[in-house]
Amino acid sequence: DEYFNPYDVTDHLQVDKRFGSEADFKELVDAAHNRDMHVVMDLPITSVSVQHPWFRDGEADVFVTAKEGSAAFGQENYHQFHGDNTTMYLGYPDAANPVLNWSNAKVKETIIEAIKKYLKIGVDGFHIDHISQLALDENGNPNNNLEGGIIFIDRIDIGNALHNNSTTRFFEDLDF
């Protein structure tokens, strides 16, 4: 059996084929709702697989990177980006999972599109793990003092899981 890592995302807009088709997923959601159950889906939005097209194509701007001379350059969890000795990317929990740069419009648009898609299918909420990746400390490292994942159903409820103003504003400004 192939090793399965739920954070090895290669496409946020597609249901992982190991779990069936999009139609199968919709059928599952409908069946749960018919039994008065809610469906909360794991939505890994903090990192992707090194097999993701963005990483394979060398799109450094969609990832958290550090340039030579910056405080984060050479820190733990930073790895050389495609052989470039002057650029490193944050990989968390390891090099196989480059962390997404939420300041990048392409990242935001893709994640919003994914959220809208799964809400349209009927998902009631999302679990977002590794939330520390959305709030980096002054050295560019994950803020591991943050609480665990978050769930939102019917509205965005970030509670006290995030203490980073720009990330909090991003979630509050989502327009579904």
Protein backbone atom coordinates (compact mmCIF):
# COMPACT_ATOMS: atom_id res chain seq x y z
CA ASP A 1 0.00 0.00 0.00
CA GLU A 2 1.14 3.49 -0.84
CA TYR A 3 1.95 5.71 2.16
CA PHE A 4 -0.96 8.09 2.70
CA ASN A 5 -0.39 11.61 3.97
CA PRO A 6 -3.59 13.68 4.02
CA TYR A 7 -1.52 16.85 3.59
CA ASP A 8 -0.01 15.72 0.29
CA VAL A 9 -2.49 17.84 -1.66
CA THR A 10 -1.93 18.08 -5.40
CA ASP A 11 -5.28 19.74 -6.25
CA HIS A 12 -7.59 21.43 -3.71
CA LEU A 13 -10.45 21.36 -6.21
CA GLN A 14 -10.61 17.59 -6.73
CA VAL A 15 -11.83 14.85 -4.43
CA ASP A 16 -8.96 12.45 -3.79
CA LYS A 17 -9.62 9.51 -6.11
CA ARG A 18 -8.88 7.09 -3.25
CA PHE A 19 -12.18 8.28 -1.76
CA GLY A 20 -14.19 7.95 -4.95
CA SER A 21 -15.52 10.50 -7.40
CA GLU A 22 -17.08 13.89 -6.75
CA ALA A 23 -20.47 12.26 -7.37
CA ASP A 24 -19.65 9.63 -4.71
CA PHE A 25 -18.74 12.39 -2.26
CA LYS A 26 -21.98 14.27 -3.00
CA GLU A 27 -23.90 11.02 -2.43
CA LEU A 28 -22.17 10.61 0.94
CA VAL A 29 -23.03 14.19 1.96
CA ASP A 30 -26.66 13.76 0.88
CA ALA A 31 -26.94 10.44 2.74
CA ALA A 32 -25.56 12.05 5.91
CA HIS A 33 -28.00 14.96 5.63
CA ASN A 34 -30.89 12.50 5.10
CA ARG A 35 -29.94 11.04 8.48
CA ASP A 36 -29.82 14.50 10.11
CA MET A 37 -26.03 14.40 10.31
CA HIS A 38 -23.54 17.13 9.47
CA VAL A 39 -20.47 16.58 7.33
CA VAL A 40 -17.27 18.29 8.46
CA MET A 41 -14.48 17.86 5.96
CA ASP A 42 -10.76 18.04 6.57
CA LEU A 43 -9.49 20.88 4.39
CA PRO A 44 -5.68 21.04 4.33
CA ILE A 45 -5.06 24.63 3.27
CA THR A 46 -1.71 25.32 4.86
CA SER A 47 0.59 23.19 2.73
CA VAL A 48 0.69 21.02 -0.37
CA SER A 49 2.69 18.10 -1.72
CA VAL A 50 5.97 18.62 -3.54
CA GLN A 51 4.07 16.89 -6.37
CA HIS A 52 1.63 19.84 -6.59
CA PRO A 53 1.96 21.58 -9.98
CA TRP A 54 2.81 24.89 -8.28
CA PHE A 55 5.83 23.34 -6.61
CA ARG A 56 6.88 21.22 -9.58
CA ASP A 57 6.71 24.32 -11.81
CA GLY A 58 8.90 26.31 -9.40
CA GLU A 59 6.31 28.96 -8.49
CA ALA A 60 8.17 30.25 -5.43
CA ASP A 61 5.76 33.15 -4.83
CA VAL A 62 2.90 30.82 -3.83
CA PHE A 63 4.98 29.40 -0.96
CA VAL A 64 6.49 30.84 2.21
CA THR A 65 10.09 31.45 1.19
CA ALA A 66 13.14 33.10 2.66
CA LYS A 67 15.86 34.85 0.71
CA GLU A 68 19.51 34.70 1.68
CA GLY A 69 20.19 37.26 4.41
CA SER A 70 16.67 37.15 5.88
CA ALA A 71 16.00 36.00 9.46
CA ALA A 72 14.24 32.83 8.28
CA PHE A 73 16.93 31.76 5.79
CA GLY A 74 18.54 28.56 7.06
CA GLN A 75 16.12 28.15 9.96
CA GLU A 76 14.69 24.77 10.90
CA ASN A 77 12.06 23.57 8.42
CA TYR A 78 13.44 25.75 5.59
CA HIS A 79 14.73 23.84 2.57
CA GLN A 80 16.53 24.75 -0.64
CA PHE A 81 14.05 25.66 -3.38
CA HIS A 82 14.75 23.87 -6.68
CA GLY A 83 18.53 24.11 -6.41
CA ASP A 84 18.51 27.88 -5.80
CA ASN A 85 21.13 28.59 -3.13
CA THR A 86 19.57 31.99 -2.38
CA THR A 87 15.97 30.88 -1.80
CA MET A 88 14.58 28.45 0.76
CA TYR A 89 10.98 27.35 1.28
CA LEU A 90 9.22 26.49 4.52
CA GLY A 91 8.29 22.82 4.59
CA TYR A 92 6.16 21.67 7.48
CA PRO A 93 6.18 19.22 9.05
CA ASP A 94 8.97 18.33 6.63
CA ALA A 95 10.40 19.15 3.20
CA ALA A 96 7.65 17.12 1.48
CA ASN A 97 5.01 19.70 2.43
CA PRO A 98 5.78 23.26 1.26
CA VAL A 99 3.75 25.83 3.20
CA LEU A 100 1.44 28.06 1.17
CA ASN A 101 1.92 31.84 1.14
CA TRP A 102 -1.43 33.32 2.09
CA SER A 103 -0.30 36.75 0.90
CA ASN A 104 -0.43 35.41 -2.64
CA ALA A 105 -3.67 36.12 -4.56
CA LYS A 106 -3.49 32.82 -6.46
CA VAL A 107 -3.39 30.87 -3.19
CA LYS A 108 -6.33 32.81 -1.74
CA GLU A 109 -8.42 32.48 -4.90
CA THR A 110 -7.80 28.74 -5.12
CA ILE A 111 -8.67 28.10 -1.47
CA ILE A 112 -11.80 30.28 -1.68
CA GLU A 113 -12.84 28.41 -4.84
CA ALA A 114 -12.34 25.09 -3.03
CA ILE A 115 -14.34 26.23 0.01
CA LYS A 116 -17.19 27.45 -2.22
CA LYS A 117 -17.15 24.21 -4.21
CA TYR A 118 -17.43 21.98 -1.15
CA LEU A 119 -20.09 24.20 0.44
CA LYS A 120 -22.09 23.93 -2.81
CA ILE A 121 -21.76 20.13 -2.62
CA GLY A 122 -23.28 20.45 0.84
CA VAL A 123 -20.39 20.18 3.30
CA ASP A 124 -21.41 21.79 6.58
CA GLY A 125 -17.98 22.76 7.84
CA PHE A 126 -14.26 22.29 7.65
CA HIS A 127 -11.50 21.15 9.96
CA ILE A 128 -8.29 23.03 9.29
CA ASP A 129 -5.26 21.43 10.87
CA HIS A 130 -1.73 22.81 11.20
CA ILE A 131 -3.23 26.27 11.61
CA SER A 132 0.10 27.49 12.99
CA GLN A 133 1.32 27.66 9.38
CA LEU A 134 -0.97 30.64 8.78
CA ALA A 135 0.75 32.71 11.46
CA LEU A 136 4.54 32.83 11.33
CA ASP A 137 6.68 34.34 14.06
CA GLU A 138 9.16 37.18 13.51
CA ASN A 139 11.77 34.68 12.26
CA GLY A 140 9.47 33.12 9.68
CA ASN A 141 8.81 29.96 11.66
CA PRO A 142 5.39 28.47 12.44
CA ASN A 143 3.80 29.91 15.57
CA ASN A 144 3.47 26.61 17.40
CA ASN A 145 1.84 28.30 20.39
CA LEU A 146 -1.45 28.49 18.52
CA GLU A 147 -4.25 26.12 19.37
CA GLY A 148 -5.20 23.24 17.10
CA GLY A 149 -7.38 23.19 14.02
CA ILE A 150 -10.59 25.08 13.60
CA ILE A 151 -14.04 24.13 12.43
CA PHE A 152 -16.56 26.46 10.89
CA ILE A 153 -20.15 25.60 10.15
CA ASP A 154 -22.61 28.06 8.57
CA ARG A 155 -20.20 30.91 9.26
CA ILE A 156 -16.54 31.48 9.94
CA ASP A 157 -15.83 30.82 13.60
CA ILE A 158 -12.15 31.23 14.29
CA GLY A 159 -12.58 31.53 18.04
CA ASN A 160 -9.21 32.10 19.64
CA ALA A 161 -7.33 29.71 17.36
CA LEU A 162 -5.65 32.50 15.40
CA HIS A 163 -3.80 35.43 16.85
CA ASN A 164 -2.51 36.83 13.57
CA ASN A 165 -4.45 39.87 12.38
CA SER A 166 -3.90 39.38 8.64
CA THR A 167 -4.97 35.74 8.78
CA THR A 168 -7.99 36.57 10.92
CA ARG A 169 -9.00 39.31 8.45
CA PHE A 170 -8.65 36.85 5.56
CA PHE A 171 -11.10 34.42 7.15
CA GLU A 172 -13.50 37.20 8.14
CA ASP A 173 -13.42 38.67 4.62
CA LEU A 174 -14.28 35.44 2.82
CA ASP A 175 -17.34 36.02 0.67
CA PHE A 176 -19.39 32.89 0.13
